[in-house]
Amino acid sequence: MLTKEQAMTVDRVHSNGCQTTGKPQIWRRNGATQTWVTRPKDFRLPVKYGMYSYDAITPSNADSVHAPEDCPLQAKRS
């Protein structure tokens, strides 16, 4: 799961599908993380995959991605 603190600094995120396929989808940051003063727990991280796929990571879908340093495949390689 991606936290708000990680969303502020991370440049890439991995999809959680990497556990089933063996290769993660790597989404790249596509702008600044948006935050709100009136909603301190909310954030919006715009991301891009490939040439034409765009999306945003928000608290509602943050459990479907993780930071590269938290990737379960890295533990298997070590």
N, C-alpha and C. Protein backbone atom coordinates (compact mmCIF):
# COMPACT_ATOMS: atom_id res chain seq x y z
N MET A 1 0.83 -1.17 0.00
CA MET A 1 0.00 0.00 0.00
C MET A 1 0.88 1.24 0.00
N LEU A 2 0.50 2.21 -0.80
CA LEU A 2 1.24 3.46 -0.90
C LEU A 2 0.69 4.44 0.13
N THR A 3 1.57 5.01 0.93
CA THR A 3 1.16 5.99 1.93
C THR A 3 1.27 7.39 1.36
N LYS A 4 0.70 8.36 2.05
CA LYS A 4 0.76 9.74 1.60
C LYS A 4 2.21 10.24 1.60
N GLU A 5 2.98 9.86 2.59
CA GLU A 5 4.39 10.29 2.66
C GLU A 5 5.19 9.74 1.47
N GLN A 6 4.93 8.50 1.09
CA GLN A 6 5.60 7.93 -0.06
C GLN A 6 5.14 8.61 -1.35
N ALA A 7 3.86 8.93 -1.44
CA ALA A 7 3.32 9.57 -2.64
C ALA A 7 3.94 10.94 -2.87
N MET A 8 4.39 11.58 -1.81
CA MET A 8 5.00 12.90 -1.94
C MET A 8 6.40 12.82 -2.56
N THR A 9 7.09 11.68 -2.42
CA THR A 9 8.48 11.61 -2.83
C THR A 9 8.79 10.58 -3.92
N VAL A 10 7.98 9.55 -4.05
CA VAL A 10 8.30 8.45 -4.96
C VAL A 10 8.16 8.89 -6.43
N ASP A 11 9.04 8.39 -7.29
CA ASP A 11 8.98 8.69 -8.73
C ASP A 11 8.31 7.59 -9.53
N ARG A 12 8.30 6.38 -9.00
CA ARG A 12 7.68 5.24 -9.67
C ARG A 12 6.92 4.42 -8.65
N VAL A 13 5.86 3.75 -9.10
CA VAL A 13 5.11 2.83 -8.25
C VAL A 13 4.90 1.53 -9.01
N HIS A 14 4.79 0.43 -8.28
CA HIS A 14 4.55 -0.89 -8.87
C HIS A 14 3.12 -1.30 -8.59
N SER A 15 2.50 -1.97 -9.54
CA SER A 15 1.16 -2.52 -9.31
C SER A 15 1.30 -3.79 -8.47
N ASN A 16 0.25 -4.12 -7.72
CA ASN A 16 0.29 -5.33 -6.90
C ASN A 16 0.12 -6.59 -7.73
N GLY A 17 -0.13 -6.48 -9.01
CA GLY A 17 -0.25 -7.64 -9.89
C GLY A 17 1.05 -8.37 -10.09
N CYS A 18 2.15 -7.82 -9.64
CA CYS A 18 3.45 -8.46 -9.84
C CYS A 18 3.56 -9.78 -9.10
N GLN A 19 2.73 -9.99 -8.08
CA GLN A 19 2.79 -11.23 -7.33
C GLN A 19 2.24 -12.39 -8.14
N THR A 20 1.33 -12.14 -9.08
CA THR A 20 0.76 -13.22 -9.88
C THR A 20 1.51 -13.43 -11.19
N THR A 21 1.98 -12.37 -11.83
CA THR A 21 2.64 -12.50 -13.13
C THR A 21 4.15 -12.62 -13.02
N GLY A 22 4.72 -12.17 -11.91
CA GLY A 22 6.16 -12.21 -11.76
C GLY A 22 6.85 -10.94 -12.21
N LYS A 23 6.14 -10.06 -12.91
CA LYS A 23 6.68 -8.78 -13.34
C LYS A 23 5.70 -7.67 -12.96
N PRO A 24 6.18 -6.64 -12.29
CA PRO A 24 5.26 -5.55 -11.93
C PRO A 24 5.04 -4.60 -13.09
N GLN A 25 3.86 -3.99 -13.13
CA GLN A 25 3.67 -2.85 -14.01
C GLN A 25 4.28 -1.66 -13.29
N ILE A 26 5.14 -0.94 -13.96
CA ILE A 26 5.80 0.20 -13.33
C ILE A 26 5.17 1.48 -13.86
N TRP A 27 4.50 2.20 -12.96
CA TRP A 27 3.85 3.45 -13.29
C TRP A 27 4.78 4.59 -12.88
N ARG A 28 4.95 5.57 -13.77
CA ARG A 28 5.84 6.71 -13.51
C ARG A 28 5.03 7.93 -13.08
N ARG A 29 5.63 8.74 -12.23
CA ARG A 29 5.00 9.99 -11.82
C ARG A 29 4.82 10.88 -13.04
N ASN A 30 3.68 11.57 -13.10
CA ASN A 30 3.38 12.42 -14.24
C ASN A 30 2.96 13.82 -13.78
N GLY A 31 3.54 14.29 -12.70
CA GLY A 31 3.21 15.60 -12.17
C GLY A 31 3.40 15.62 -10.67
N ALA A 32 3.05 16.74 -10.08
CA ALA A 32 3.20 16.93 -8.64
C ALA A 32 2.04 16.27 -7.89
N THR A 33 2.33 15.80 -6.69
CA THR A 33 1.29 15.25 -5.84
C THR A 33 0.41 16.38 -5.32
N GLN A 34 -0.88 16.22 -5.48
CA GLN A 34 -1.82 17.24 -5.05
C GLN A 34 -2.32 16.90 -3.65
N THR A 35 -2.32 17.90 -2.76
CA THR A 35 -2.86 17.74 -1.41
C THR A 35 -3.81 18.89 -1.12
N TRP A 36 -4.61 18.71 -0.06
CA TRP A 36 -5.59 19.72 0.31
C TRP A 36 -5.44 20.05 1.79
N VAL A 37 -5.60 21.34 2.13
CA VAL A 37 -5.54 21.79 3.52
C VAL A 37 -6.77 21.31 4.28
N THR A 38 -7.92 21.34 3.65
CA THR A 38 -9.17 20.97 4.32
C THR A 38 -9.35 19.47 4.47
N ARG A 39 -8.60 18.67 3.68
CA ARG A 39 -8.64 17.20 3.77
C ARG A 39 -7.22 16.68 3.92
N PRO A 40 -6.66 16.71 5.13
CA PRO A 40 -5.23 16.41 5.30
C PRO A 40 -4.81 14.98 4.95
N LYS A 41 -5.73 14.03 4.93
CA LYS A 41 -5.35 12.64 4.62
C LYS A 41 -5.43 12.33 3.12
N ASP A 42 -6.03 13.21 2.35
CA ASP A 42 -6.21 12.97 0.92
C ASP A 42 -4.99 13.42 0.12
N PHE A 43 -4.77 12.72 -1.00
CA PHE A 43 -3.71 13.09 -1.95
C PHE A 43 -4.11 12.58 -3.32
N ARG A 44 -3.47 13.10 -4.34
CA ARG A 44 -3.68 12.63 -5.72
C ARG A 44 -2.34 12.66 -6.42
N LEU A 45 -1.86 11.49 -6.82
CA LEU A 45 -0.58 11.34 -7.50
C LEU A 45 -0.85 10.96 -8.95
N PRO A 46 -0.64 11.87 -9.91
CA PRO A 46 -0.85 11.51 -11.32
C PRO A 46 0.28 10.59 -11.80
N VAL A 47 -0.10 9.51 -12.50
CA VAL A 47 0.88 8.54 -12.98
C VAL A 47 0.62 8.20 -14.44
N LYS A 48 1.64 7.63 -15.08
CA LYS A 48 1.56 7.25 -16.48
C LYS A 48 2.20 5.88 -16.66
N TYR A 49 1.60 5.06 -17.56
CA TYR A 49 2.15 3.76 -17.89
C TYR A 49 2.21 3.67 -19.40
N GLY A 50 3.38 3.41 -19.94
CA GLY A 50 3.52 3.33 -21.39
C GLY A 50 3.36 4.69 -22.04
N MET A 51 2.83 4.70 -23.26
CA MET A 51 2.69 5.96 -23.98
C MET A 51 1.32 6.59 -23.80
N TYR A 52 0.29 5.79 -23.59
CA TYR A 52 -1.07 6.33 -23.62
C TYR A 52 -1.90 6.06 -22.38
N SER A 53 -1.39 5.40 -21.38
CA SER A 53 -2.17 5.07 -20.19
C SER A 53 -1.87 6.07 -19.08
N TYR A 54 -2.90 6.76 -18.64
CA TYR A 54 -2.79 7.74 -17.57
C TYR A 54 -3.77 7.38 -16.47
N ASP A 55 -3.41 7.67 -15.23
CA ASP A 55 -4.29 7.42 -14.10
C ASP A 55 -3.82 8.28 -12.94
N ALA A 56 -4.45 8.12 -11.80
CA ALA A 56 -4.05 8.83 -10.60
C ALA A 56 -4.18 7.90 -9.41
N ILE A 57 -3.22 7.97 -8.51
CA ILE A 57 -3.26 7.20 -7.28
C ILE A 57 -3.86 8.10 -6.21
N THR A 58 -4.92 7.63 -5.57
CA THR A 58 -5.60 8.34 -4.50
C THR A 58 -5.72 7.39 -3.31
N PRO A 59 -6.15 7.87 -2.14
CA PRO A 59 -6.31 6.94 -1.00
C PRO A 59 -7.28 5.80 -1.29
N SER A 60 -8.24 6.00 -2.18
CA SER A 60 -9.20 4.93 -2.46
C SER A 60 -8.59 3.78 -3.26
N ASN A 61 -7.54 4.02 -4.04
CA ASN A 61 -6.91 2.94 -4.80
C ASN A 61 -5.44 2.74 -4.45
N ALA A 62 -4.98 3.34 -3.36
CA ALA A 62 -3.57 3.23 -2.96
C ALA A 62 -3.21 1.82 -2.51
N ASP A 63 -4.19 0.99 -2.19
CA ASP A 63 -3.88 -0.38 -1.78
C ASP A 63 -3.57 -1.29 -2.97
N SER A 64 -3.75 -0.79 -4.20
CA SER A 64 -3.46 -1.60 -5.39
C SER A 64 -2.05 -1.37 -5.93
N VAL A 65 -1.28 -0.49 -5.30
CA VAL A 65 0.10 -0.22 -5.72
C VAL A 65 1.01 -0.19 -4.48
N HIS A 66 2.31 -0.25 -4.75
CA HIS A 66 3.28 -0.14 -3.66
C HIS A 66 4.53 0.54 -4.19
N ALA A 67 5.34 1.07 -3.28
CA ALA A 67 6.60 1.70 -3.64
C ALA A 67 7.60 0.63 -4.06
N PRO A 68 8.54 0.96 -4.95
CA PRO A 68 9.51 -0.04 -5.41
C PRO A 68 10.32 -0.67 -4.28
N GLU A 69 10.62 0.10 -3.23
CA GLU A 69 11.39 -0.48 -2.12
C GLU A 69 10.57 -1.47 -1.29
N ASP A 70 9.25 -1.45 -1.43
CA ASP A 70 8.38 -2.39 -0.72
C ASP A 70 7.97 -3.58 -1.60
N CYS A 71 8.58 -3.72 -2.75
CA CYS A 71 8.18 -4.77 -3.72
C CYS A 71 8.52 -6.15 -3.16
N PRO A 72 7.54 -7.06 -3.17
CA PRO A 72 7.81 -8.42 -2.68
C PRO A 72 8.76 -9.20 -3.56
N LEU A 73 8.89 -8.84 -4.83
CA LEU A 73 9.82 -9.55 -5.72
C LEU A 73 11.27 -9.25 -5.39
N GLN A 74 11.55 -8.07 -4.82
CA GLN A 74 12.92 -7.76 -4.42
C GLN A 74 13.38 -8.68 -3.31
N ALA A 75 12.48 -9.05 -2.42
CA ALA A 75 12.82 -9.95 -1.32
C ALA A 75 13.17 -11.34 -1.86
N LYS A 76 12.51 -11.76 -2.92
CA LYS A 76 12.77 -13.07 -3.50
C LYS A 76 14.13 -13.10 -4.23
N ARG A 77 14.53 -11.98 -4.81
CA ARG A 77 15.79 -11.93 -5.56
C ARG A 77 16.99 -11.90 -4.62
N SER A 78 16.83 -11.35 -3.44
CA SER A 78 17.96 -11.21 -2.51
C SER A 78 18.33 -12.51 -1.87
